[in-house]
ModelCIF file with pLDDT and N, C-alpha, C, O atoms, coordinates in Angstrom:
data_MODEL
#
_entry.id   MODEL 
#
_entity.id                         1 
_entity.type                       polymer 
_entity.pdbx_number_of_molecules   1 
#
_entity_poly.entity_id                      1 
_entity_poly.type                           'polypeptide(L)' 
_entity_poly.nstd_linkage                   no 
_entity_poly.nstd_monomer                   no 
_entity_poly.pdbx_seq_one_letter_code       YADSVKGRFTISRDNAENTVYLQMNSLKPEDTAVYYCNAKIRFTDTSI 
_entity_poly.pdbx_seq_one_letter_code_can   YADSVKGRFTISRDNAENTVYLQMNSLKPEDTAVYYCNAKIRFTDTSI 
_entity_poly.pdbx_strand_id                 A 
#
loop_
_entity_poly_seq.entity_id 
_entity_poly_seq.num 
_entity_poly_seq.mon_id 
_entity_poly_seq.hetero 
1 1  TYR n 
1 2  ALA n 
1 3  ASP n 
1 4  SER n 
1 5  VAL n 
1 6  LYS n 
1 7  GLY n 
1 8  ARG n 
1 9  PHE n 
1 10 THR n 
1 11 ILE n 
1 12 SER n 
1 13 ARG n 
1 14 ASP n 
1 15 ASN n 
1 16 ALA n 
1 17 GLU n 
1 18 ASN n 
1 19 THR n 
1 20 VAL n 
1 21 TYR n 
1 22 LEU n 
1 23 GLN n 
1 24 MET n 
1 25 ASN n 
1 26 SER n 
1 27 LEU n 
1 28 LYS n 
1 29 PRO n 
1 30 GLU n 
1 31 ASP n 
1 32 THR n 
1 33 ALA n 
1 34 VAL n 
1 35 TYR n 
1 36 TYR n 
1 37 CYS n 
1 38 ASN n 
1 39 ALA n 
1 40 LYS n 
1 41 ILE n 
1 42 ARG n 
1 43 PHE n 
1 44 THR n 
1 45 ASP n 
1 46 THR n 
1 47 SER n 
1 48 ILE n 
#
_struct_asym.id          A 
_struct_asym.entity_id   1 
#
loop_
_ma_qa_metric.id 
_ma_qa_metric.mode 
_ma_qa_metric.name 
_ma_qa_metric.software_group_id 
_ma_qa_metric.type 
1 global pLDDT . pLDDT 
2 local  pLDDT . pLDDT 
#
_ma_qa_metric_global.metric_id      1 
_ma_qa_metric_global.metric_value   94.60 
_ma_qa_metric_global.model_id       1 
_ma_qa_metric_global.ordinal_id     1 
#
loop_
_ma_qa_metric_local.label_asym_id 
_ma_qa_metric_local.label_comp_id 
_ma_qa_metric_local.label_seq_id 
_ma_qa_metric_local.metric_id 
_ma_qa_metric_local.metric_value 
_ma_qa_metric_local.model_id 
_ma_qa_metric_local.ordinal_id 
A TYR 1  2 98.00 1 1  
A ALA 2  2 98.00 1 2  
A ASP 3  2 98.00 1 3  
A SER 4  2 97.00 1 4  
A VAL 5  2 98.00 1 5  
A LYS 6  2 98.00 1 6  
A GLY 7  2 97.00 1 7  
A ARG 8  2 98.00 1 8  
A PHE 9  2 98.00 1 9  
A THR 10 2 98.00 1 10 
A ILE 11 2 97.00 1 11 
A SER 12 2 95.00 1 12 
A ARG 13 2 92.00 1 13 
A ASP 14 2 90.00 1 14 
A ASN 15 2 81.00 1 15 
A ALA 16 2 85.00 1 16 
A GLU 17 2 84.00 1 17 
A ASN 18 2 88.00 1 18 
A THR 19 2 93.00 1 19 
A VAL 20 2 94.00 1 20 
A TYR 21 2 96.00 1 21 
A LEU 22 2 98.00 1 22 
A GLN 23 2 98.00 1 23 
A MET 24 2 98.00 1 24 
A ASN 25 2 98.00 1 25 
A SER 26 2 98.00 1 26 
A LEU 27 2 98.00 1 27 
A LYS 28 2 98.00 1 28 
A PRO 29 2 97.00 1 29 
A GLU 30 2 97.00 1 30 
A ASP 31 2 98.00 1 31 
A THR 32 2 98.00 1 32 
A ALA 33 2 98.00 1 33 
A VAL 34 2 98.00 1 34 
A TYR 35 2 98.00 1 35 
A TYR 36 2 97.00 1 36 
A CYS 37 2 96.00 1 37 
A ASN 38 2 95.00 1 38 
A ALA 39 2 94.00 1 39 
A LYS 40 2 93.00 1 40 
A ILE 41 2 92.00 1 41 
A ARG 42 2 92.00 1 42 
A PHE 43 2 90.00 1 43 
A THR 44 2 89.00 1 44 
A ASP 45 2 89.00 1 45 
A THR 46 2 90.00 1 46 
A SER 47 2 90.00 1 47 
A ILE 48 2 91.00 1 48 
#
loop_
_atom_site.group_PDB 
_atom_site.id 
_atom_site.type_symbol 
_atom_site.label_atom_id 
_atom_site.label_alt_id 
_atom_site.label_comp_id 
_atom_site.label_asym_id 
_atom_site.label_entity_id 
_atom_site.label_seq_id 
_atom_site.pdbx_PDB_ins_code 
_atom_site.Cartn_x 
_atom_site.Cartn_y 
_atom_site.Cartn_z 
_atom_site.occupancy 
_atom_site.B_iso_or_equiv 
_atom_site.pdbx_formal_charge 
_atom_site.auth_seq_id 
_atom_site.auth_comp_id 
_atom_site.auth_asym_id 
_atom_site.auth_atom_id 
_atom_site.pdbx_PDB_model_num 
ATOM 1   N N  . TYR A 1 1  ? -8.604  -1.607  4.120   1.00 98.00 ? 1  TYR A N  1 
ATOM 2   C CA . TYR A 1 1  ? -8.603  -2.324  2.871   1.00 98.00 ? 1  TYR A CA 1 
ATOM 3   C C  . TYR A 1 1  ? -9.885  -2.110  2.104   1.00 98.00 ? 1  TYR A C  1 
ATOM 4   O O  . TYR A 1 1  ? -10.964 -1.953  2.676   1.00 98.00 ? 1  TYR A O  1 
ATOM 5   N N  . ALA A 1 2  ? -9.737  -2.110  0.804   1.00 98.00 ? 2  ALA A N  1 
ATOM 6   C CA . ALA A 1 2  ? -10.924 -2.122  -0.043  1.00 98.00 ? 2  ALA A CA 1 
ATOM 7   C C  . ALA A 1 2  ? -11.641 -3.461  0.193   1.00 98.00 ? 2  ALA A C  1 
ATOM 8   O O  . ALA A 1 2  ? -11.002 -4.486  0.428   1.00 98.00 ? 2  ALA A O  1 
ATOM 9   N N  . ASP A 1 3  ? -12.966 -3.430  0.127   1.00 98.00 ? 3  ASP A N  1 
ATOM 10  C CA . ASP A 1 3  ? -13.723 -4.650  0.327   1.00 98.00 ? 3  ASP A CA 1 
ATOM 11  C C  . ASP A 1 3  ? -13.321 -5.759  -0.643  1.00 98.00 ? 3  ASP A C  1 
ATOM 12  O O  . ASP A 1 3  ? -13.362 -6.941  -0.302  1.00 98.00 ? 3  ASP A O  1 
ATOM 13  N N  . SER A 1 4  ? -12.934 -5.363  -1.848  1.00 97.00 ? 4  SER A N  1 
ATOM 14  C CA . SER A 1 4  ? -12.638 -6.336  -2.875  1.00 97.00 ? 4  SER A CA 1 
ATOM 15  C C  . SER A 1 4  ? -11.340 -7.107  -2.604  1.00 97.00 ? 4  SER A C  1 
ATOM 16  O O  . SER A 1 4  ? -11.108 -8.135  -3.240  1.00 97.00 ? 4  SER A O  1 
ATOM 17  N N  . VAL A 1 5  ? -10.511 -6.654  -1.704  1.00 98.00 ? 5  VAL A N  1 
ATOM 18  C CA . VAL A 1 5  ? -9.229  -7.300  -1.450  1.00 98.00 ? 5  VAL A CA 1 
ATOM 19  C C  . VAL A 1 5  ? -9.137  -7.821  -0.048  1.00 98.00 ? 5  VAL A C  1 
ATOM 20  O O  . VAL A 1 5  ? -8.144  -8.475  0.272   1.00 98.00 ? 5  VAL A O  1 
ATOM 21  N N  . LYS A 1 6  ? -10.086 -7.585  0.807   1.00 98.00 ? 6  LYS A N  1 
ATOM 22  C CA . LYS A 1 6  ? -10.022 -8.071  2.182   1.00 98.00 ? 6  LYS A CA 1 
ATOM 23  C C  . LYS A 1 6  ? -9.882  -9.563  2.234   1.00 98.00 ? 6  LYS A C  1 
ATOM 24  O O  . LYS A 1 6  ? -10.579 -10.297 1.532   1.00 98.00 ? 6  LYS A O  1 
ATOM 25  N N  . GLY A 1 7  ? -8.967  -10.009 3.079   1.00 97.00 ? 7  GLY A N  1 
ATOM 26  C CA . GLY A 1 7  ? -8.728  -11.453 3.184   1.00 97.00 ? 7  GLY A CA 1 
ATOM 27  C C  . GLY A 1 7  ? -7.733  -11.983 2.193   1.00 97.00 ? 7  GLY A C  1 
ATOM 28  O O  . GLY A 1 7  ? -7.272  -13.116 2.329   1.00 97.00 ? 7  GLY A O  1 
ATOM 29  N N  . ARG A 1 8  ? -7.384  -11.189 1.191   1.00 98.00 ? 8  ARG A N  1 
ATOM 30  C CA . ARG A 1 8  ? -6.440  -11.634 0.179   1.00 98.00 ? 8  ARG A CA 1 
ATOM 31  C C  . ARG A 1 8  ? -5.169  -10.821 0.175   1.00 98.00 ? 8  ARG A C  1 
ATOM 32  O O  . ARG A 1 8  ? -4.090  -11.355 -0.085  1.00 98.00 ? 8  ARG A O  1 
ATOM 33  N N  . PHE A 1 9  ? -5.280  -9.521  0.463   1.00 98.00 ? 9  PHE A N  1 
ATOM 34  C CA . PHE A 1 9  ? -4.124  -8.644  0.447   1.00 98.00 ? 9  PHE A CA 1 
ATOM 35  C C  . PHE A 1 9  ? -3.752  -8.254  1.877   1.00 98.00 ? 9  PHE A C  1 
ATOM 36  O O  . PHE A 1 9  ? -4.602  -8.156  2.762   1.00 98.00 ? 9  PHE A O  1 
ATOM 37  N N  . THR A 1 10 ? -2.462  -8.037  2.068   1.00 98.00 ? 10 THR A N  1 
ATOM 38  C CA . THR A 1 10 ? -1.998  -7.582  3.364   1.00 98.00 ? 10 THR A CA 1 
ATOM 39  C C  . THR A 1 10 ? -0.983  -6.451  3.158   1.00 98.00 ? 10 THR A C  1 
ATOM 40  O O  . THR A 1 10 ? -0.010  -6.606  2.421   1.00 98.00 ? 10 THR A O  1 
ATOM 41  N N  . ILE A 1 11 ? -1.218  -5.343  3.803   1.00 97.00 ? 11 ILE A N  1 
ATOM 42  C CA . ILE A 1 11 ? -0.311  -4.224  3.743   1.00 97.00 ? 11 ILE A CA 1 
ATOM 43  C C  . ILE A 1 11 ? 0.564   -4.204  4.978   1.00 97.00 ? 11 ILE A C  1 
ATOM 44  O O  . ILE A 1 11 ? 0.103   -4.516  6.077   1.00 97.00 ? 11 ILE A O  1 
ATOM 45  N N  . SER A 1 12 ? 1.798   -3.847  4.808   1.00 95.00 ? 12 SER A N  1 
ATOM 46  C CA . SER A 1 12 ? 2.734   -3.699  5.947   1.00 95.00 ? 12 SER A CA 1 
ATOM 47  C C  . SER A 1 12 ? 3.748   -2.641  5.582   1.00 95.00 ? 12 SER A C  1 
ATOM 48  O O  . SER A 1 12 ? 3.860   -2.231  4.427   1.00 95.00 ? 12 SER A O  1 
ATOM 49  N N  . ARG A 1 13 ? 4.489   -2.205  6.592   1.00 92.00 ? 13 ARG A N  1 
ATOM 50  C CA . ARG A 1 13 ? 5.490   -1.184  6.360   1.00 92.00 ? 13 ARG A CA 1 
ATOM 51  C C  . ARG A 1 13 ? 6.687   -1.394  7.262   1.00 92.00 ? 13 ARG A C  1 
ATOM 52  O O  . ARG A 1 13 ? 6.597   -1.988  8.336   1.00 92.00 ? 13 ARG A O  1 
ATOM 53  N N  . ASP A 1 14 ? 7.808   -0.886  6.787   1.00 90.00 ? 14 ASP A N  1 
ATOM 54  C CA . ASP A 1 14 ? 9.034   -0.892  7.528   1.00 90.00 ? 14 ASP A CA 1 
ATOM 55  C C  . ASP A 1 14 ? 9.454   0.568   7.624   1.00 90.00 ? 14 ASP A C  1 
ATOM 56  O O  . ASP A 1 14 ? 10.000  1.147   6.684   1.00 90.00 ? 14 ASP A O  1 
ATOM 57  N N  . ASN A 1 15 ? 9.184   1.137   8.780   1.00 81.00 ? 15 ASN A N  1 
ATOM 58  C CA . ASN A 1 15 ? 9.450   2.542   8.967   1.00 81.00 ? 15 ASN A CA 1 
ATOM 59  C C  . ASN A 1 15 ? 10.941  2.874   8.869   1.00 81.00 ? 15 ASN A C  1 
ATOM 60  O O  . ASN A 1 15 ? 11.301  3.953   8.400   1.00 81.00 ? 15 ASN A O  1 
ATOM 61  N N  . ALA A 1 16 ? 11.796  1.976   9.299   1.00 85.00 ? 16 ALA A N  1 
ATOM 62  C CA . ALA A 1 16 ? 13.213  2.227   9.264   1.00 85.00 ? 16 ALA A CA 1 
ATOM 63  C C  . ALA A 1 16 ? 13.707  2.408   7.847   1.00 85.00 ? 16 ALA A C  1 
ATOM 64  O O  . ALA A 1 16 ? 14.669  3.133   7.592   1.00 85.00 ? 16 ALA A O  1 
ATOM 65  N N  . GLU A 1 17 ? 13.020  1.726   6.913   1.00 84.00 ? 17 GLU A N  1 
ATOM 66  C CA . GLU A 1 17 ? 13.396  1.833   5.510   1.00 84.00 ? 17 GLU A CA 1 
ATOM 67  C C  . GLU A 1 17 ? 12.410  2.655   4.680   1.00 84.00 ? 17 GLU A C  1 
ATOM 68  O O  . GLU A 1 17 ? 12.536  2.749   3.459   1.00 84.00 ? 17 GLU A O  1 
ATOM 69  N N  . ASN A 1 18 ? 11.447  3.235   5.346   1.00 88.00 ? 18 ASN A N  1 
ATOM 70  C CA . ASN A 1 18 ? 10.439  4.020   4.642   1.00 88.00 ? 18 ASN A CA 1 
ATOM 71  C C  . ASN A 1 18 ? 9.831   3.250   3.481   1.00 88.00 ? 18 ASN A C  1 
ATOM 72  O O  . ASN A 1 18 ? 9.719   3.743   2.358   1.00 88.00 ? 18 ASN A O  1 
ATOM 73  N N  . THR A 1 19 ? 9.442   2.011   3.801   1.00 93.00 ? 19 THR A N  1 
ATOM 74  C CA . THR A 1 19 ? 8.980   1.122   2.754   1.00 93.00 ? 19 THR A CA 1 
ATOM 75  C C  . THR A 1 19 ? 7.630   0.554   3.114   1.00 93.00 ? 19 THR A C  1 
ATOM 76  O O  . THR A 1 19 ? 7.393   0.175   4.261   1.00 93.00 ? 19 THR A O  1 
ATOM 77  N N  . VAL A 1 20 ? 6.750   0.493   2.146   1.00 94.00 ? 20 VAL A N  1 
ATOM 78  C CA . VAL A 1 20 ? 5.447   -0.119  2.328   1.00 94.00 ? 20 VAL A CA 1 
ATOM 79  C C  . VAL A 1 20 ? 5.353   -1.290  1.370   1.00 94.00 ? 20 VAL A C  1 
ATOM 80  O O  . VAL A 1 20 ? 5.845   -1.236  0.243   1.00 94.00 ? 20 VAL A O  1 
ATOM 81  N N  . TYR A 1 21 ? 4.700   -2.370  1.848   1.00 96.00 ? 21 TYR A N  1 
ATOM 82  C CA . TYR A 1 21 ? 4.575   -3.594  1.063   1.00 96.00 ? 21 TYR A CA 1 
ATOM 83  C C  . TYR A 1 21 ? 3.103   -3.913  0.894   1.00 96.00 ? 21 TYR A C  1 
ATOM 84  O O  . TYR A 1 21 ? 2.258   -3.516  1.696   1.00 96.00 ? 21 TYR A O  1 
ATOM 85  N N  . LEU A 1 22 ? 2.833   -4.615  -0.135  1.00 98.00 ? 22 LEU A N  1 
ATOM 86  C CA . LEU A 1 22 ? 1.505   -5.157  -0.380  1.00 98.00 ? 22 LEU A CA 1 
ATOM 87  C C  . LEU A 1 22 ? 1.647   -6.573  -0.813  1.00 98.00 ? 22 LEU A C  1 
ATOM 88  O O  . LEU A 1 22 ? 2.058   -6.851  -1.940  1.00 98.00 ? 22 LEU A O  1 
ATOM 89  N N  . GLN A 1 23 ? 1.307   -7.488  0.079   1.00 98.00 ? 23 GLN A N  1 
ATOM 90  C CA . GLN A 1 23 ? 1.282   -8.899  -0.268  1.00 98.00 ? 23 GLN A CA 1 
ATOM 91  C C  . GLN A 1 23 ? -0.083  -9.232  -0.851  1.00 98.00 ? 23 GLN A C  1 
ATOM 92  O O  . GLN A 1 23 ? -1.108  -9.057  -0.193  1.00 98.00 ? 23 GLN A O  1 
ATOM 93  N N  . MET A 1 24 ? -0.089  -9.708  -2.073  1.00 98.00 ? 24 MET A N  1 
ATOM 94  C CA . MET A 1 24 ? -1.306  -9.982  -2.780  1.00 98.00 ? 24 MET A CA 1 
ATOM 95  C C  . MET A 1 24 ? -1.407  -11.482 -3.059  1.00 98.00 ? 24 MET A C  1 
ATOM 96  O O  . MET A 1 24 ? -0.620  -12.048 -3.818  1.00 98.00 ? 24 MET A O  1 
ATOM 97  N N  . ASN A 1 25 ? -2.380  -12.094 -2.435  1.00 98.00 ? 25 ASN A N  1 
ATOM 98  C CA . ASN A 1 25 ? -2.598  -13.522 -2.606  1.00 98.00 ? 25 ASN A CA 1 
ATOM 99  C C  . ASN A 1 25 ? -3.926  -13.739 -3.276  1.00 98.00 ? 25 ASN A C  1 
ATOM 100 O O  . ASN A 1 25 ? -4.769  -12.844 -3.327  1.00 98.00 ? 25 ASN A O  1 
ATOM 101 N N  . SER A 1 26 ? -4.106  -14.945 -3.794  1.00 98.00 ? 26 SER A N  1 
ATOM 102 C CA . SER A 1 26 ? -5.353  -15.353 -4.428  1.00 98.00 ? 26 SER A CA 1 
ATOM 103 C C  . SER A 1 26 ? -5.809  -14.316 -5.473  1.00 98.00 ? 26 SER A C  1 
ATOM 104 O O  . SER A 1 26 ? -6.969  -13.905 -5.516  1.00 98.00 ? 26 SER A O  1 
ATOM 105 N N  . LEU A 1 27 ? -4.863  -13.928 -6.288  1.00 98.00 ? 27 LEU A N  1 
ATOM 106 C CA . LEU A 1 27 ? -5.132  -12.870 -7.248  1.00 98.00 ? 27 LEU A CA 1 
ATOM 107 C C  . LEU A 1 27 ? -6.201  -13.283 -8.262  1.00 98.00 ? 27 LEU A C  1 
ATOM 108 O O  . LEU A 1 27 ? -6.283  -14.437 -8.680  1.00 98.00 ? 27 LEU A O  1 
ATOM 109 N N  . LYS A 1 28 ? -7.004  -12.308 -8.635  1.00 98.00 ? 28 LYS A N  1 
ATOM 110 C CA . LYS A 1 28 ? -8.085  -12.486 -9.573  1.00 98.00 ? 28 LYS A CA 1 
ATOM 111 C C  . LYS A 1 28 ? -7.875  -11.578 -10.785 1.00 98.00 ? 28 LYS A C  1 
ATOM 112 O O  . LYS A 1 28 ? -7.194  -10.557 -10.693 1.00 98.00 ? 28 LYS A O  1 
ATOM 113 N N  . PRO A 1 29 ? -8.455  -11.952 -11.897 1.00 97.00 ? 29 PRO A N  1 
ATOM 114 C CA . PRO A 1 29 ? -8.313  -11.106 -13.082 1.00 97.00 ? 29 PRO A CA 1 
ATOM 115 C C  . PRO A 1 29 ? -8.743  -9.648  -12.849 1.00 97.00 ? 29 PRO A C  1 
ATOM 116 O O  . PRO A 1 29 ? -8.182  -8.720  -13.432 1.00 97.00 ? 29 PRO A O  1 
ATOM 117 N N  . GLU A 1 30 ? -9.752  -9.474  -11.981 1.00 97.00 ? 30 GLU A N  1 
ATOM 118 C CA . GLU A 1 30 ? -10.218 -8.111  -11.702 1.00 97.00 ? 30 GLU A CA 1 
ATOM 119 C C  . GLU A 1 30 ? -9.220  -7.306  -10.870 1.00 97.00 ? 30 GLU A C  1 
ATOM 120 O O  . GLU A 1 30 ? -9.421  -6.109  -10.669 1.00 97.00 ? 30 GLU A O  1 
ATOM 121 N N  . ASP A 1 31 ? -8.184  -7.918  -10.398 1.00 98.00 ? 31 ASP A N  1 
ATOM 122 C CA . ASP A 1 31 ? -7.099  -7.209  -9.718  1.00 98.00 ? 31 ASP A CA 1 
ATOM 123 C C  . ASP A 1 31 ? -6.140  -6.547  -10.721 1.00 98.00 ? 31 ASP A C  1 
ATOM 124 O O  . ASP A 1 31 ? -5.271  -5.765  -10.337 1.00 98.00 ? 31 ASP A O  1 
ATOM 125 N N  . THR A 1 32 ? -6.308  -6.863  -11.978 1.00 98.00 ? 32 THR A N  1 
ATOM 126 C CA . THR A 1 32 ? -5.411  -6.292  -12.966 1.00 98.00 ? 32 THR A CA 1 
ATOM 127 C C  . THR A 1 32 ? -5.530  -4.752  -13.000 1.00 98.00 ? 32 THR A C  1 
ATOM 128 O O  . THR A 1 32 ? -6.624  -4.210  -13.157 1.00 98.00 ? 32 THR A O  1 
ATOM 129 N N  . ALA A 1 33 ? -4.428  -4.088  -12.857 1.00 98.00 ? 33 ALA A N  1 
ATOM 130 C CA . ALA A 1 33 ? -4.421  -2.618  -12.808 1.00 98.00 ? 33 ALA A CA 1 
ATOM 131 C C  . ALA A 1 33 ? -2.959  -2.166  -12.648 1.00 98.00 ? 33 ALA A C  1 
ATOM 132 O O  . ALA A 1 33 ? -2.043  -2.958  -12.434 1.00 98.00 ? 33 ALA A O  1 
ATOM 133 N N  . VAL A 1 34 ? -2.812  -0.878  -12.765 1.00 98.00 ? 34 VAL A N  1 
ATOM 134 C CA . VAL A 1 34 ? -1.541  -0.260  -12.362 1.00 98.00 ? 34 VAL A CA 1 
ATOM 135 C C  . VAL A 1 34 ? -1.674  0.107   -10.875 1.00 98.00 ? 34 VAL A C  1 
ATOM 136 O O  . VAL A 1 34 ? -2.618  0.780   -10.461 1.00 98.00 ? 34 VAL A O  1 
ATOM 137 N N  . TYR A 1 35 ? -0.736  -0.342  -10.124 1.00 98.00 ? 35 TYR A N  1 
ATOM 138 C CA . TYR A 1 35 ? -0.756  -0.097  -8.689  1.00 98.00 ? 35 TYR A CA 1 
ATOM 139 C C  . TYR A 1 35 ? 0.208   1.029   -8.354  1.00 98.00 ? 35 TYR A C  1 
ATOM 140 O O  . TYR A 1 35 ? 1.361   1.028   -8.783  1.00 98.00 ? 35 TYR A O  1 
ATOM 141 N N  . TYR A 1 36 ? -0.277  1.973   -7.592  1.00 97.00 ? 36 TYR A N  1 
ATOM 142 C CA . TYR A 1 36 ? 0.477   3.153   -7.237  1.00 97.00 ? 36 TYR A CA 1 
ATOM 143 C C  . TYR A 1 36 ? 0.733   3.201   -5.738  1.00 97.00 ? 36 TYR A C  1 
ATOM 144 O O  . TYR A 1 36 ? -0.184  3.015   -4.939  1.00 97.00 ? 36 TYR A O  1 
ATOM 145 N N  . CYS A 1 37 ? 1.954   3.444   -5.368  1.00 96.00 ? 37 CYS A N  1 
ATOM 146 C CA . CYS A 1 37 ? 2.262   3.687   -4.009  1.00 96.00 ? 37 CYS A CA 1 
ATOM 147 C C  . CYS A 1 37 ? 1.919   5.146   -3.655  1.00 96.00 ? 37 CYS A C  1 
ATOM 148 O O  . CYS A 1 37 ? 2.133   6.067   -4.443  1.00 96.00 ? 37 CYS A O  1 
ATOM 149 N N  . ASN A 1 38 ? 1.392   5.311   -2.467  1.00 95.00 ? 38 ASN A N  1 
ATOM 150 C CA . ASN A 1 38 ? 1.041   6.660   -2.019  1.00 95.00 ? 38 ASN A CA 1 
ATOM 151 C C  . ASN A 1 38 ? 1.544   6.874   -0.589  1.00 95.00 ? 38 ASN A C  1 
ATOM 152 O O  . ASN A 1 38 ? 1.535   5.946   0.221   1.00 95.00 ? 38 ASN A O  1 
ATOM 153 N N  . ALA A 1 39 ? 1.967   8.055   -0.292  1.00 94.00 ? 39 ALA A N  1 
ATOM 154 C CA . ALA A 1 39 ? 2.388   8.384   1.037   1.00 94.00 ? 39 ALA A CA 1 
ATOM 155 C C  . ALA A 1 39 ? 2.078   9.829   1.365   1.00 94.00 ? 39 ALA A C  1 
ATOM 156 O O  . ALA A 1 39 ? 2.209   10.716  0.521   1.00 94.00 ? 39 ALA A O  1 
ATOM 157 N N  . LYS A 1 40 ? 1.670   10.051  2.590   1.00 93.00 ? 40 LYS A N  1 
ATOM 158 C CA . LYS A 1 40 ? 1.519   11.412  3.099   1.00 93.00 ? 40 LYS A CA 1 
ATOM 159 C C  . LYS A 1 40 ? 2.866   11.783  3.678   1.00 93.00 ? 40 LYS A C  1 
ATOM 160 O O  . LYS A 1 40 ? 3.337   11.175  4.639   1.00 93.00 ? 40 LYS A O  1 
ATOM 161 N N  . ILE A 1 41 ? 3.483   12.798  3.076   1.00 92.00 ? 41 ILE A N  1 
ATOM 162 C CA . ILE A 1 41 ? 4.863   13.167  3.431   1.00 92.00 ? 41 ILE A CA 1 
ATOM 163 C C  . ILE A 1 41 ? 4.926   14.615  3.840   1.00 92.00 ? 41 ILE A C  1 
ATOM 164 O O  . ILE A 1 41 ? 4.356   15.488  3.187   1.00 92.00 ? 41 ILE A O  1 
ATOM 165 N N  . ARG A 1 42 ? 5.634   14.863  4.941   1.00 92.00 ? 42 ARG A N  1 
ATOM 166 C CA . ARG A 1 42 ? 5.865   16.208  5.402   1.00 92.00 ? 42 ARG A CA 1 
ATOM 167 C C  . ARG A 1 42 ? 7.372   16.424  5.476   1.00 92.00 ? 42 ARG A C  1 
ATOM 168 O O  . ARG A 1 42 ? 8.092   15.636  6.090   1.00 92.00 ? 42 ARG A O  1 
ATOM 169 N N  . PHE A 1 43 ? 7.825   17.460  4.869   1.00 90.00 ? 43 PHE A N  1 
ATOM 170 C CA . PHE A 1 43 ? 9.216   17.854  5.016   1.00 90.00 ? 43 PHE A CA 1 
ATOM 171 C C  . PHE A 1 43 ? 9.421   18.544  6.348   1.00 90.00 ? 43 PHE A C  1 
ATOM 172 O O  . PHE A 1 43 ? 8.494   19.148  6.887   1.00 90.00 ? 43 PHE A O  1 
ATOM 173 N N  . THR A 1 44 ? 10.605  18.461  6.872   1.00 89.00 ? 44 THR A N  1 
ATOM 174 C CA . THR A 1 44 ? 10.868  18.878  8.220   1.00 89.00 ? 44 THR A CA 1 
ATOM 175 C C  . THR A 1 44 ? 10.668  20.391  8.430   1.00 89.00 ? 44 THR A C  1 
ATOM 176 O O  . THR A 1 44 ? 10.444  20.831  9.557   1.00 89.00 ? 44 THR A O  1 
ATOM 177 N N  . ASP A 1 45 ? 10.744  21.147  7.402   1.00 89.00 ? 45 ASP A N  1 
ATOM 178 C CA . ASP A 1 45 ? 10.569  22.588  7.535   1.00 89.00 ? 45 ASP A CA 1 
ATOM 179 C C  . ASP A 1 45 ? 9.147   23.067  7.306   1.00 89.00 ? 45 ASP A C  1 
ATOM 180 O O  . ASP A 1 45 ? 8.900   24.269  7.214   1.00 89.00 ? 45 ASP A O  1 
ATOM 181 N N  . THR A 1 46 ? 8.234   22.153  7.217   1.00 90.00 ? 46 THR A N  1 
ATOM 182 C CA . THR A 1 46 ? 6.823   22.470  7.026   1.00 90.00 ? 46 THR A CA 1 
ATOM 183 C C  . THR A 1 46 ? 5.959   21.688  8.002   1.00 90.00 ? 46 THR A C  1 
ATOM 184 O O  . THR A 1 46 ? 6.413   20.758  8.669   1.00 90.00 ? 46 THR A O  1 
ATOM 185 N N  . SER A 1 47 ? 4.709   22.095  8.062   1.00 90.00 ? 47 SER A N  1 
ATOM 186 C CA . SER A 1 47 ? 3.743   21.366  8.898   1.00 90.00 ? 47 SER A CA 1 
ATOM 187 C C  . SER A 1 47 ? 2.632   20.749  8.099   1.00 90.00 ? 47 SER A C  1 
ATOM 188 O O  . SER A 1 47 ? 1.622   20.316  8.654   1.00 90.00 ? 47 SER A O  1 
ATOM 189 N N  . ILE A 1 48 ? 2.807   20.706  6.812   1.00 91.00 ? 48 ILE A N  1 
ATOM 190 C CA . ILE A 1 48 ? 1.794   20.217  5.920   1.00 91.00 ? 48 ILE A CA 1 
ATOM 191 C C  . ILE A 1 48 ? 2.213   18.877  5.304   1.00 91.00 ? 48 ILE A C  1 
ATOM 192 O O  . ILE A 1 48 ? 1.468   18.302  4.510   1.00 91.00 ? 48 ILE A O  1 
#
């Protein structure tokens, strides 16, 4: 976690559904932003 969100945000994932969650509590104005999901993905025919 970024230091700025520790204790307030919780990340979790459901591998069966290939889903990641971000629970954001105690939100502050400085949390205002566009939030982007990111994943490291490898297709089965590659090793990258």
